Amino acid sequence: MRDREAFVLVVRSVTSAMKGQKLLEQNGITAFVQRNSMPNNTQGCGYALKIYGDVSRAISILSNVGIQVTEIQQGG
């Protein structure tokens, strides 16, 4: 996986997305909050974090503070 590859991490709420963005950026991962254009029933209100960097590390950081990633999309 390339370091600057983009991923979209779908989370359950705008609050989780905003908290996650701040946390990821504090840990050196560029992240942007965005609406998930096609949310389904398991994704809450349909917000996501578009990240550039190590997706496994990002998910681990989010998981450590209780932010659940419900879907991972490549690109975006």
PDB file of N, CA and C in Angstrom:
ATOM      1  N   MET A   1       0.828  -1.189   0.000  1.00  0.00           N
ATOM      2  CA  MET A   1       0.000   0.000   0.000  1.00  0.00           C
ATOM      3  C   MET A   1       0.870   1.249   0.000  1.00  0.00           C
ATOM      4  N   ARG A   2       0.593   2.162  -0.876  1.00  0.00           N
ATOM      5  CA  ARG A   2       1.358   3.406  -0.917  1.00  0.00           C
ATOM      6  C   ARG A   2       0.914   4.323   0.224  1.00  0.00           C
ATOM      7  N   ASP A   3       1.851   5.129   0.700  1.00  0.00           N
ATOM      8  CA  ASP A   3       1.599   5.997   1.840  1.00  0.00           C
ATOM      9  C   ASP A   3       0.562   7.080   1.561  1.00  0.00           C
ATOM     10  N   ARG A   4       0.470   7.584   0.339  1.00  0.00           N
ATOM     11  CA  ARG A   4      -0.438   8.690   0.040  1.00  0.00           C
ATOM     12  C   ARG A   4      -1.717   8.233  -0.639  1.00  0.00           C
ATOM     13  N   GLU A   5      -2.015   6.954  -0.568  1.00  0.00           N
ATOM     14  CA  GLU A   5      -3.236   6.428  -1.139  1.00  0.00           C
ATOM     15  C   GLU A   5      -4.425   6.912  -0.305  1.00  0.00           C
ATOM     16  N   ALA A   6      -5.524   7.227  -0.970  1.00  0.00           N
ATOM     17  CA  ALA A   6      -6.709   7.731  -0.275  1.00  0.00           C
ATOM     18  C   ALA A   6      -7.644   6.583   0.100  1.00  0.00           C
ATOM     19  N   PHE A   7      -8.222   6.691   1.284  1.00  0.00           N
ATOM     20  CA  PHE A   7      -9.235   5.749   1.759  1.00  0.00           C
ATOM     21  C   PHE A   7     -10.356   6.551   2.402  1.00  0.00           C
ATOM     22  N   VAL A   8     -11.555   6.010   2.342  1.00  0.00           N
ATOM     23  CA  VAL A   8     -12.701   6.622   3.014  1.00  0.00           C
ATOM     24  C   VAL A   8     -13.137   5.651   4.104  1.00  0.00           C
ATOM     25  N   LEU A   9     -13.104   6.128   5.346  1.00  0.00           N
ATOM     26  CA  LEU A   9     -13.498   5.326   6.501  1.00  0.00           C
ATOM     27  C   LEU A   9     -14.856   5.820   6.979  1.00  0.00           C
ATOM     28  N   VAL A  10     -15.878   5.005   6.798  1.00  0.00           N
ATOM     29  CA  VAL A  10     -17.229   5.382   7.191  1.00  0.00           C
ATOM     30  C   VAL A  10     -17.388   5.155   8.689  1.00  0.00           C
ATOM     31  N   VAL A  11     -17.932   6.163   9.379  1.00  0.00           N
ATOM     32  CA  VAL A  11     -18.173   6.090  10.823  1.00  0.00           C
ATOM     33  C   VAL A  11     -19.650   6.352  11.096  1.00  0.00           C
ATOM     34  N   ARG A  12     -20.069   6.190  12.339  1.00  0.00           N
ATOM     35  CA  ARG A  12     -21.490   6.225  12.671  1.00  0.00           C
ATOM     36  C   ARG A  12     -22.108   7.617  12.835  1.00  0.00           C
ATOM     37  N   SER A  13     -21.300   8.638  13.066  1.00  0.00           N
ATOM     38  CA  SER A  13     -21.897   9.955  13.317  1.00  0.00           C
ATOM     39  C   SER A  13     -20.934  11.070  12.927  1.00  0.00           C
ATOM     40  N   VAL A  14     -21.488  12.259  12.789  1.00  0.00           N
ATOM     41  CA  VAL A  14     -20.655  13.417  12.498  1.00  0.00           C
ATOM     42  C   VAL A  14     -19.732  13.705  13.680  1.00  0.00           C
ATOM     43  N   THR A  15     -20.191  13.446  14.886  1.00  0.00           N
ATOM     44  CA  THR A  15     -19.358  13.641  16.077  1.00  0.00           C
ATOM     45  C   THR A  15     -18.139  12.724  16.036  1.00  0.00           C
ATOM     46  N   SER A  16     -18.355  11.455  15.687  1.00  0.00           N
ATOM     47  CA  SER A  16     -17.237  10.517  15.565  1.00  0.00           C
ATOM     48  C   SER A  16     -16.279  10.950  14.473  1.00  0.00           C
ATOM     49  N   ALA A  17     -16.818  11.437  13.370  1.00  0.00           N
ATOM     50  CA  ALA A  17     -15.973  11.887  12.261  1.00  0.00           C
ATOM     51  C   ALA A  17     -15.111  13.071  12.682  1.00  0.00           C
ATOM     52  N   MET A  18     -15.703  14.035  13.369  1.00  0.00           N
ATOM     53  CA  MET A  18     -14.958  15.225  13.786  1.00  0.00           C
ATOM     54  C   MET A  18     -13.896  14.871  14.831  1.00  0.00           C
ATOM     55  N   LYS A  19     -14.260  14.040  15.786  1.00  0.00           N
ATOM     56  CA  LYS A  19     -13.309  13.600  16.808  1.00  0.00           C
ATOM     57  C   LYS A  19     -12.176  12.801  16.151  1.00  0.00           C
ATOM     58  N   GLY A  20     -12.552  11.925  15.215  1.00  0.00           N
ATOM     59  CA  GLY A  20     -11.573  11.105  14.517  1.00  0.00           C
ATOM     60  C   GLY A  20     -10.612  11.933  13.687  1.00  0.00           C
ATOM     61  N   GLN A  21     -11.129  12.949  13.013  1.00  0.00           N
ATOM     62  CA  GLN A  21     -10.271  13.820  12.199  1.00  0.00           C
ATOM     63  C   GLN A  21      -9.196  14.468  13.067  1.00  0.00           C
ATOM     64  N   LYS A  22      -9.600  15.014  14.172  1.00  0.00           N
ATOM     65  CA  LYS A  22      -8.656  15.688  15.064  1.00  0.00           C
ATOM     66  C   LYS A  22      -7.601  14.703  15.584  1.00  0.00           C
ATOM     67  N   LEU A  23      -8.059  13.544  15.997  1.00  0.00           N
ATOM     68  CA  LEU A  23      -7.156  12.535  16.540  1.00  0.00           C
ATOM     69  C   LEU A  23      -6.161  12.038  15.489  1.00  0.00           C
ATOM     70  N   LEU A  24      -6.661  11.757  14.284  1.00  0.00           N
ATOM     71  CA  LEU A  24      -5.775  11.279  13.227  1.00  0.00           C
ATOM     72  C   LEU A  24      -4.733  12.335  12.866  1.00  0.00           C
ATOM     73  N   GLU A  25      -5.159  13.582  12.751  1.00  0.00           N
ATOM     74  CA  GLU A  25      -4.218  14.643  12.403  1.00  0.00           C
ATOM     75  C   GLU A  25      -3.172  14.850  13.499  1.00  0.00           C
ATOM     76  N   GLN A  26      -3.559  14.653  14.759  1.00  0.00           N
ATOM     77  CA  GLN A  26      -2.587  14.733  15.850  1.00  0.00           C
ATOM     78  C   GLN A  26      -1.542  13.619  15.753  1.00  0.00           C
ATOM     79  N   ASN A  27      -1.917  12.549  15.054  1.00  0.00           N
ATOM     80  CA  ASN A  27      -1.021  11.409  14.871  1.00  0.00           C
ATOM     81  C   ASN A  27      -0.394  11.367  13.479  1.00  0.00           C
ATOM     82  N   GLY A  28      -0.437  12.488  12.762  1.00  0.00           N
ATOM     83  CA  GLY A  28       0.259  12.607  11.494  1.00  0.00           C
ATOM     84  C   GLY A  28      -0.445  12.036  10.275  1.00  0.00           C
ATOM     85  N   ILE A  29      -1.753  11.758  10.383  1.00  0.00           N
ATOM     86  CA  ILE A  29      -2.518  11.231   9.254  1.00  0.00           C
ATOM     87  C   ILE A  29      -3.476  12.312   8.775  1.00  0.00           C
ATOM     88  N   THR A  30      -3.333  12.735   7.520  1.00  0.00           N
ATOM     89  CA  THR A  30      -4.220  13.741   6.948  1.00  0.00           C
ATOM     90  C   THR A  30      -5.628  13.171   6.825  1.00  0.00           C
ATOM     91  N   ALA A  31      -6.624  13.904   7.340  1.00  0.00           N
ATOM     92  CA  ALA A  31      -8.000  13.409   7.333  1.00  0.00           C
ATOM     93  C   ALA A  31      -8.976  14.558   7.086  1.00  0.00           C
ATOM     94  N   PHE A  32     -10.044  14.258   6.354  1.00  0.00           N
ATOM     95  CA  PHE A  32     -11.106  15.220   6.059  1.00  0.00           C
ATOM     96  C   PHE A  32     -12.457  14.594   6.359  1.00  0.00           C
ATOM     97  N   VAL A  33     -13.348  15.344   6.994  1.00  0.00           N
ATOM     98  CA  VAL A  33     -14.718  14.880   7.241  1.00  0.00           C
ATOM     99  C   VAL A  33     -15.526  15.099   5.968  1.00  0.00           C
ATOM    100  N   GLN A  34     -16.305  14.090   5.595  1.00  0.00           N
ATOM    101  CA  GLN A  34     -17.193  14.230   4.442  1.00  0.00           C
ATOM    102  C   GLN A  34     -18.450  13.402   4.649  1.00  0.00           C
ATOM    103  N   ARG A  35     -19.502  13.750   3.913  1.00  0.00           N
ATOM    104  CA  ARG A  35     -20.734  12.956   3.930  1.00  0.00           C
ATOM    105  C   ARG A  35     -20.506  11.710   3.105  1.00  0.00           C
ATOM    106  N   ASN A  36     -21.069  10.604   3.564  1.00  0.00           N
ATOM    107  CA  ASN A  36     -21.078   9.383   2.769  1.00  0.00           C
ATOM    108  C   ASN A  36     -22.273   9.496   1.832  1.00  0.00           C
ATOM    109  N   SER A  37     -22.037   9.535   0.541  1.00  0.00           N
ATOM    110  CA  SER A  37     -23.103   9.797  -0.423  1.00  0.00           C
ATOM    111  C   SER A  37     -24.115   8.664  -0.541  1.00  0.00           C
ATOM    112  N   MET A  38     -23.755   7.454  -0.106  1.00  0.00           N
ATOM    113  CA  MET A  38     -24.676   6.320  -0.215  1.00  0.00           C
ATOM    114  C   MET A  38     -24.683   5.503   1.077  1.00  0.00           C
ATOM    115  N   PRO A  39     -25.166   6.075   2.197  1.00  0.00           N
ATOM    116  CA  PRO A  39     -25.158   5.324   3.455  1.00  0.00           C
ATOM    117  C   PRO A  39     -26.174   4.180   3.429  1.00  0.00           C
ATOM    118  N   ASN A  40     -25.885   3.117   4.175  1.00  0.00           N
ATOM    119  CA  ASN A  40     -26.866   2.046   4.332  1.00  0.00           C
ATOM    120  C   ASN A  40     -27.258   1.960   5.801  1.00  0.00           C
ATOM    121  N   ASN A  41     -28.102   1.012   6.150  1.00  0.00           N
ATOM    122  CA  ASN A  41     -28.655   0.917   7.511  1.00  0.00           C
ATOM    123  C   ASN A  41     -27.605   0.720   8.595  1.00  0.00           C
ATOM    124  N   THR A  42     -26.470   0.124   8.282  1.00  0.00           N
ATOM    125  CA  THR A  42     -25.457  -0.150   9.307  1.00  0.00           C
ATOM    126  C   THR A  42     -24.512   1.018   9.533  1.00  0.00           C
ATOM    127  N   GLN A  43     -24.647   2.083   8.768  1.00  0.00           N
ATOM    128  CA  GLN A  43     -23.672   3.165   8.814  1.00  0.00           C
ATOM    129  C   GLN A  43     -24.138   4.399   9.567  1.00  0.00           C
ATOM    130  N   GLY A  44     -25.184   4.310  10.324  1.00  0.00           N
ATOM    131  CA  GLY A  44     -25.642   5.472  11.071  1.00  0.00           C
ATOM    132  C   GLY A  44     -26.059   6.593  10.138  1.00  0.00           C
ATOM    133  N   CYS A  45     -25.631   7.817  10.440  1.00  0.00           N
ATOM    134  CA  CYS A  45     -26.090   8.971   9.660  1.00  0.00           C
ATOM    135  C   CYS A  45     -25.242   9.246   8.427  1.00  0.00           C
ATOM    136  N   GLY A  46     -24.235   8.443   8.175  1.00  0.00           N
ATOM    137  CA  GLY A  46     -23.522   8.526   6.915  1.00  0.00           C
ATOM    138  C   GLY A  46     -22.414   9.547   6.817  1.00  0.00           C
ATOM    139  N   TYR A  47     -21.552   9.606   7.800  1.00  0.00           N
ATOM    140  CA  TYR A  47     -20.373  10.465   7.708  1.00  0.00           C
ATOM    141  C   TYR A  47     -19.126   9.606   7.582  1.00  0.00           C
ATOM    142  N   ALA A  48     -18.094  10.210   7.025  1.00  0.00           N
ATOM    143  CA  ALA A  48     -16.871   9.454   6.782  1.00  0.00           C
ATOM    144  C   ALA A  48     -15.656  10.346   6.941  1.00  0.00           C
ATOM    145  N   LEU A  49     -14.519   9.694   7.051  1.00  0.00           N
ATOM    146  CA  LEU A  49     -13.229  10.363   7.076  1.00  0.00           C
ATOM    147  C   LEU A  49     -12.463   9.940   5.841  1.00  0.00           C
ATOM    148  N   LYS A  50     -12.094  10.894   5.018  1.00  0.00           N
ATOM    149  CA  LYS A  50     -11.215  10.605   3.893  1.00  0.00           C
ATOM    150  C   LYS A  50      -9.809  10.798   4.409  1.00  0.00           C
ATOM    151  N   ILE A  51      -9.005   9.760   4.312  1.00  0.00           N
ATOM    152  CA  ILE A  51      -7.654   9.825   4.857  1.00  0.00           C
ATOM    153  C   ILE A  51      -6.622   9.557   3.774  1.00  0.00           C
ATOM    154  N   TYR A  52      -5.437  10.049   4.023  1.00  0.00           N
ATOM    155  CA  TYR A  52      -4.270   9.776   3.185  1.00  0.00           C
ATOM    156  C   TYR A  52      -3.204   9.216   4.101  1.00  0.00           C
ATOM    157  N   GLY A  53      -2.808   7.992   3.871  1.00  0.00           N
ATOM    158  CA  GLY A  53      -1.783   7.391   4.706  1.00  0.00           C
ATOM    159  C   GLY A  53      -2.094   5.946   5.018  1.00  0.00           C
ATOM    160  N   ASP A  54      -1.564   5.473   6.109  1.00  0.00           N
ATOM    161  CA  ASP A  54      -1.653   4.074   6.522  1.00  0.00           C
ATOM    162  C   ASP A  54      -3.045   3.776   7.083  1.00  0.00           C
ATOM    163  N   VAL A  55      -3.857   3.085   6.308  1.00  0.00           N
ATOM    164  CA  VAL A  55      -5.237   2.814   6.713  1.00  0.00           C
ATOM    165  C   VAL A  55      -5.304   1.923   7.951  1.00  0.00           C
ATOM    166  N   SER A  56      -4.419   0.946   8.057  1.00  0.00           N
ATOM    167  CA  SER A  56      -4.417   0.059   9.227  1.00  0.00           C
ATOM    168  C   SER A  56      -4.115   0.838  10.501  1.00  0.00           C
ATOM    169  N   ARG A  57      -3.156   1.725  10.417  1.00  0.00           N
ATOM    170  CA  ARG A  57      -2.804   2.559  11.581  1.00  0.00           C
ATOM    171  C   ARG A  57      -3.952   3.486  11.944  1.00  0.00           C
ATOM    172  N   ALA A  58      -4.597   4.068  10.938  1.00  0.00           N
ATOM    173  CA  ALA A  58      -5.727   4.972  11.188  1.00  0.00           C
ATOM    174  C   ALA A  58      -6.861   4.239  11.893  1.00  0.00           C
ATOM    175  N   ILE A  59      -7.190   3.046  11.421  1.00  0.00           N
ATOM    176  CA  ILE A  59      -8.267   2.270  12.040  1.00  0.00           C
ATOM    177  C   ILE A  59      -7.909   1.909  13.470  1.00  0.00           C
ATOM    178  N   SER A  60      -6.662   1.566  13.705  1.00  0.00           N
ATOM    179  CA  SER A  60      -6.207   1.236  15.058  1.00  0.00           C
ATOM    180  C   SER A  60      -6.337   2.435  15.995  1.00  0.00           C
ATOM    181  N   ILE A  61      -5.933   3.608  15.524  1.00  0.00           N
ATOM    182  CA  ILE A  61      -6.028   4.829  16.333  1.00  0.00           C
ATOM    183  C   ILE A  61      -7.483   5.115  16.678  1.00  0.00           C
ATOM    184  N   LEU A  62      -8.359   5.016  15.692  1.00  0.00           N
ATOM    185  CA  LEU A  62      -9.784   5.273  15.927  1.00  0.00           C
ATOM    186  C   LEU A  62     -10.385   4.238  16.880  1.00  0.00           C
ATOM    187  N   SER A  63     -10.053   2.993  16.665  1.00  0.00           N
ATOM    188  CA  SER A  63     -10.570   1.910  17.503  1.00  0.00           C
ATOM    189  C   SER A  63     -10.158   2.074  18.967  1.00  0.00           C
ATOM    190  N   ASN A  64      -8.936   2.545  19.195  1.00  0.00           N
ATOM    191  CA  ASN A  64      -8.433   2.717  20.555  1.00  0.00           C
ATOM    192  C   ASN A  64      -9.238   3.717  21.375  1.00  0.00           C
ATOM    193  N   VAL A  65      -9.962   4.623  20.705  1.00  0.00           N
ATOM    194  CA  VAL A  65     -10.794   5.585  21.430  1.00  0.00           C
ATOM    195  C   VAL A  65     -12.286   5.295  21.253  1.00  0.00           C
ATOM    196  N   GLY A  66     -12.605   4.117  20.690  1.00  0.00           N
ATOM    197  CA  GLY A  66     -13.997   3.688  20.591  1.00  0.00           C
ATOM    198  C   GLY A  66     -14.749   4.156  19.353  1.00  0.00           C
ATOM    199  N   ILE A  67     -14.032   4.654  18.341  1.00  0.00           N
ATOM    200  CA  ILE A  67     -14.695   5.061  17.100  1.00  0.00           C
ATOM    201  C   ILE A  67     -14.706   3.866  16.160  1.00  0.00           C
ATOM    202  N   GLN A  68     -15.913   3.393  15.846  1.00  0.00           N
ATOM    203  CA  GLN A  68     -16.073   2.213  15.003  1.00  0.00           C
ATOM    204  C   GLN A  68     -16.115   2.605  13.525  1.00  0.00           C
ATOM    205  N   VAL A  69     -15.265   1.982  12.739  1.00  0.00           N
ATOM    206  CA  VAL A  69     -15.289   2.149  11.277  1.00  0.00           C
ATOM    207  C   VAL A  69     -16.207   1.060  10.730  1.00  0.00           C
ATOM    208  N   THR A  70     -17.302   1.479  10.071  1.00  0.00           N
ATOM    209  CA  THR A  70     -18.286   0.514   9.589  1.00  0.00           C
ATOM    210  C   THR A  70     -18.029   0.054   8.158  1.00  0.00           C
ATOM    211  N   GLU A  71     -17.204   0.811   7.430  1.00  0.00           N
ATOM    212  CA  GLU A  71     -16.885   0.429   6.052  1.00  0.00           C
ATOM    213  C   GLU A  71     -15.607   1.135   5.626  1.00  0.00           C
ATOM    214  N   ILE A  72     -14.822   0.478   4.804  1.00  0.00           N
ATOM    215  CA  ILE A  72     -13.608   1.076   4.242  1.00  0.00           C
ATOM    216  C   ILE A  72     -13.763   1.075   2.729  1.00  0.00           C
ATOM    217  N   GLN A  73     -13.615   2.251   2.128  1.00  0.00           N
ATOM    218  CA  GLN A  73     -13.694   2.384   0.676  1.00  0.00           C
ATOM    219  C   GLN A  73     -12.346   2.887   0.181  1.00  0.00           C
ATOM    220  N   GLN A  74     -11.842   2.279  -0.871  1.00  0.00           N
ATOM    221  CA  GLN A  74     -10.568   2.717  -1.426  1.00  0.00           C
ATOM    222  C   GLN A  74     -10.813   3.850  -2.406  1.00  0.00           C
ATOM    223  N   GLY A  75      -9.917   4.814  -2.400  1.00  0.00           N
ATOM    224  CA  GLY A  75     -10.050   5.953  -3.320  1.00  0.00           C
ATOM    225  C   GLY A  75     -10.974   7.008  -2.750  1.00  0.00           C
ATOM    226  N   GLY A  76     -11.866   7.456  -3.580  1.00  0.00           N
ATOM    227  CA  GLY A  76     -12.842   8.429  -3.100  1.00  0.00           C
ATOM    228  C   GLY A  76     -12.500   9.787  -3.475  1.00  0.00           C
TER     229      GLY A  76
END
